[in-house]
Amino acid sequence: MKKNLLLLAVVVLLAIIPLFIQKGADFEGADGEAEAAIGEIDASYEPWFESLWEPPSGEIESLLFALQAAIGAGFIGYFIGLMRGKHKEG
C-alpha cells in the first residue's frame, strides 16, 4: 500500500513540477511544432492529405484526445488485471 502511494505521489509530482519550472510556457502538442519545423525546412512542402473532419474547437479536440487516452488506459488496465487473475488461478 505504501509503495502504491509513493508511486502515485511521484506521478503527481512529475505532472506538476514542469508547470512551476516552465512558468508561462506553452504546452502545445507535437503536431503544431512539427508543422512549423517542416515549414522552416521546406517552405514549398504540401501535405499529402487533409483531415476528414476538424473538431469545431480546441476544447473538443482536447476532450476527444482525453477520451481516447482514457479508453486506451482502461483497455490496458483490463488486460493487465485479466492476465494477473489468470496467473493467480493457475
C-alpha atoms as a PDB file:
ATOM      1  CA  MET A   1       0.000   0.000   0.000  1.00  0.00           C
ATOM      2  CA  LYS A   2       2.822   2.423   0.865  1.00  0.00           C
ATOM      3  CA  LYS A   3       4.546   1.518  -2.394  1.00  0.00           C
ATOM      4  CA  ASN A   4       1.411   2.443  -4.375  1.00  0.00           C
ATOM      5  CA  LEU A   5       1.050   5.764  -2.548  1.00  0.00           C
ATOM      6  CA  LEU A   6       4.704   6.551  -3.199  1.00  0.00           C
ATOM      7  CA  LEU A   7       4.291   5.781  -6.917  1.00  0.00           C
ATOM      8  CA  LEU A   8       1.147   7.930  -7.061  1.00  0.00           C
ATOM      9  CA  ALA A   9       2.994  10.819  -5.403  1.00  0.00           C
ATOM     10  CA  VAL A  10       5.843  10.522  -7.919  1.00  0.00           C
ATOM     11  CA  VAL A  11       3.395  10.590 -10.846  1.00  0.00           C
ATOM     12  CA  VAL A  12       1.629  13.664  -9.444  1.00  0.00           C
ATOM     13  CA  LEU A  13       4.958  15.429  -8.913  1.00  0.00           C
ATOM     14  CA  LEU A  14       6.069  14.594 -12.453  1.00  0.00           C
ATOM     15  CA  ALA A  15       2.886  16.191 -13.754  1.00  0.00           C
ATOM     16  CA  ILE A  16       3.029  19.316 -11.556  1.00  0.00           C
ATOM     17  CA  ILE A  17       6.754  20.190 -11.409  1.00  0.00           C
ATOM     18  CA  PRO A  18       7.029  21.259 -15.100  1.00  0.00           C
ATOM     19  CA  LEU A  19       4.228  23.772 -14.552  1.00  0.00           C
ATOM     20  CA  PHE A  20       6.346  25.552 -11.914  1.00  0.00           C
ATOM     21  CA  ILE A  21       9.696  25.203 -13.673  1.00  0.00           C
ATOM     22  CA  GLN A  22       8.428  26.492 -17.035  1.00  0.00           C
ATOM     23  CA  LYS A  23       6.069  29.287 -15.913  1.00  0.00           C
ATOM     24  CA  GLY A  24       4.242  30.871 -18.824  1.00  0.00           C
ATOM     25  CA  ALA A  25       5.370  28.210 -21.298  1.00  0.00           C
ATOM     26  CA  ASP A  26       3.030  26.921 -23.981  1.00  0.00           C
ATOM     27  CA  PHE A  27       2.463  23.205 -23.554  1.00  0.00           C
ATOM     28  CA  GLU A  28       1.299  22.555 -27.102  1.00  0.00           C
ATOM     29  CA  GLY A  29       1.041  19.284 -28.922  1.00  0.00           C
ATOM     30  CA  ALA A  30       3.683  17.967 -31.259  1.00  0.00           C
ATOM     31  CA  ASP A  31       1.525  18.455 -34.367  1.00  0.00           C
ATOM     32  CA  GLY A  32       1.892  22.239 -34.396  1.00  0.00           C
ATOM     33  CA  GLU A  33       5.601  22.041 -33.640  1.00  0.00           C
ATOM     34  CA  ALA A  34       6.159  19.527 -36.445  1.00  0.00           C
ATOM     35  CA  GLU A  35       4.221  21.681 -38.909  1.00  0.00           C
ATOM     36  CA  ALA A  36       6.348  24.717 -38.031  1.00  0.00           C
ATOM     37  CA  ALA A  37       9.592  22.717 -38.324  1.00  0.00           C
ATOM     38  CA  ILE A  38       8.592  21.335 -41.734  1.00  0.00           C
ATOM     39  CA  GLY A  39       7.736  24.859 -42.882  1.00  0.00           C
ATOM     40  CA  GLU A  40      11.205  26.049 -41.876  1.00  0.00           C
ATOM     41  CA  ILE A  41      12.937  23.164 -43.653  1.00  0.00           C
ATOM     42  CA  ASP A  42      10.927  23.291 -46.885  1.00  0.00           C
ATOM     43  CA  ALA A  43       8.518  26.203 -47.424  1.00  0.00           C
ATOM     44  CA  SER A  44       7.097  24.586 -50.583  1.00  0.00           C
ATOM     45  CA  TYR A  45       6.006  21.390 -48.781  1.00  0.00           C
ATOM     46  CA  GLU A  46       2.344  20.481 -49.194  1.00  0.00           C
ATOM     47  CA  PRO A  47       0.611  17.851 -47.013  1.00  0.00           C
ATOM     48  CA  TRP A  48      -0.342  14.573 -48.695  1.00  0.00           C
ATOM     49  CA  PHE A  49      -3.942  14.780 -47.462  1.00  0.00           C
ATOM     50  CA  GLU A  50      -6.307  16.861 -45.370  1.00  0.00           C
ATOM     51  CA  SER A  51      -8.204  15.789 -42.263  1.00  0.00           C
ATOM     52  CA  LEU A  52     -11.605  14.259 -42.908  1.00  0.00           C
ATOM     53  CA  TRP A  53     -13.105  16.186 -40.001  1.00  0.00           C
ATOM     54  CA  GLU A  54     -11.726  19.084 -37.981  1.00  0.00           C
ATOM     55  CA  PRO A  55     -13.115  19.474 -34.430  1.00  0.00           C
ATOM     56  CA  PRO A  56     -15.004  22.764 -34.007  1.00  0.00           C
ATOM     57  CA  SER A  57     -12.728  23.983 -31.193  1.00  0.00           C
ATOM     58  CA  GLY A  58      -9.545  23.212 -29.307  1.00  0.00           C
ATOM     59  CA  GLU A  59     -11.571  22.159 -26.278  1.00  0.00           C
ATOM     60  CA  ILE A  60     -13.426  19.497 -28.280  1.00  0.00           C
ATOM     61  CA  GLU A  61     -10.126  18.283 -29.708  1.00  0.00           C
ATOM     62  CA  SER A  62      -8.688  18.022 -26.175  1.00  0.00           C
ATOM     63  CA  LEU A  63     -11.815  16.211 -24.989  1.00  0.00           C
ATOM     64  CA  LEU A  64     -11.550  13.652 -27.791  1.00  0.00           C
ATOM     65  CA  PHE A  65      -7.846  13.156 -27.095  1.00  0.00           C
ATOM     66  CA  ALA A  66      -8.529  12.640 -23.372  1.00  0.00           C
ATOM     67  CA  LEU A  67     -11.345  10.221 -24.190  1.00  0.00           C
ATOM     68  CA  GLN A  68      -9.028   8.253 -26.467  1.00  0.00           C
ATOM     69  CA  ALA A  69      -6.392   8.121 -23.717  1.00  0.00           C
ATOM     70  CA  ALA A  70      -8.973   7.008 -21.129  1.00  0.00           C
ATOM     71  CA  ILE A  71     -10.264   4.213 -23.362  1.00  0.00           C
ATOM     72  CA  GLY A  72      -6.702   3.053 -24.040  1.00  0.00           C
ATOM     73  CA  ALA A  73      -5.792   3.148 -20.347  1.00  0.00           C
ATOM     74  CA  GLY A  74      -8.982   1.241 -19.487  1.00  0.00           C
ATOM     75  CA  PHE A  75      -8.148  -1.430 -22.044  1.00  0.00           C
ATOM     76  CA  ILE A  76      -4.576  -1.780 -20.778  1.00  0.00           C
ATOM     77  CA  GLY A  77      -5.759  -1.912 -17.147  1.00  0.00           C
ATOM     78  CA  TYR A  78      -8.375  -4.532 -18.002  1.00  0.00           C
ATOM     79  CA  PHE A  79      -5.818  -6.644 -19.881  1.00  0.00           C
ATOM     80  CA  ILE A  80      -3.271  -6.449 -17.048  1.00  0.00           C
ATOM     81  CA  GLY A  81      -5.973  -7.353 -14.498  1.00  0.00           C
ATOM     82  CA  LEU A  82      -7.147 -10.240 -16.635  1.00  0.00           C
ATOM     83  CA  MET A  83      -3.619 -11.624 -17.014  1.00  0.00           C
ATOM     84  CA  ARG A  84      -2.940 -11.197 -13.305  1.00  0.00           C
ATOM     85  CA  GLY A  85      -6.179 -13.014 -12.451  1.00  0.00           C
ATOM     86  CA  LYS A  86      -5.290 -15.885 -14.775  1.00  0.00           C
ATOM     87  CA  HIS A  87      -1.827 -16.074 -13.222  1.00  0.00           C
ATOM     88  CA  LYS A  88      -3.296 -16.316  -9.694  1.00  0.00           C
ATOM     89  CA  GLU A  89      -5.733 -19.057 -10.756  1.00  0.00           C
ATOM     90  CA  GLY A  90      -3.119 -21.284 -12.345  1.00  0.00           C
END
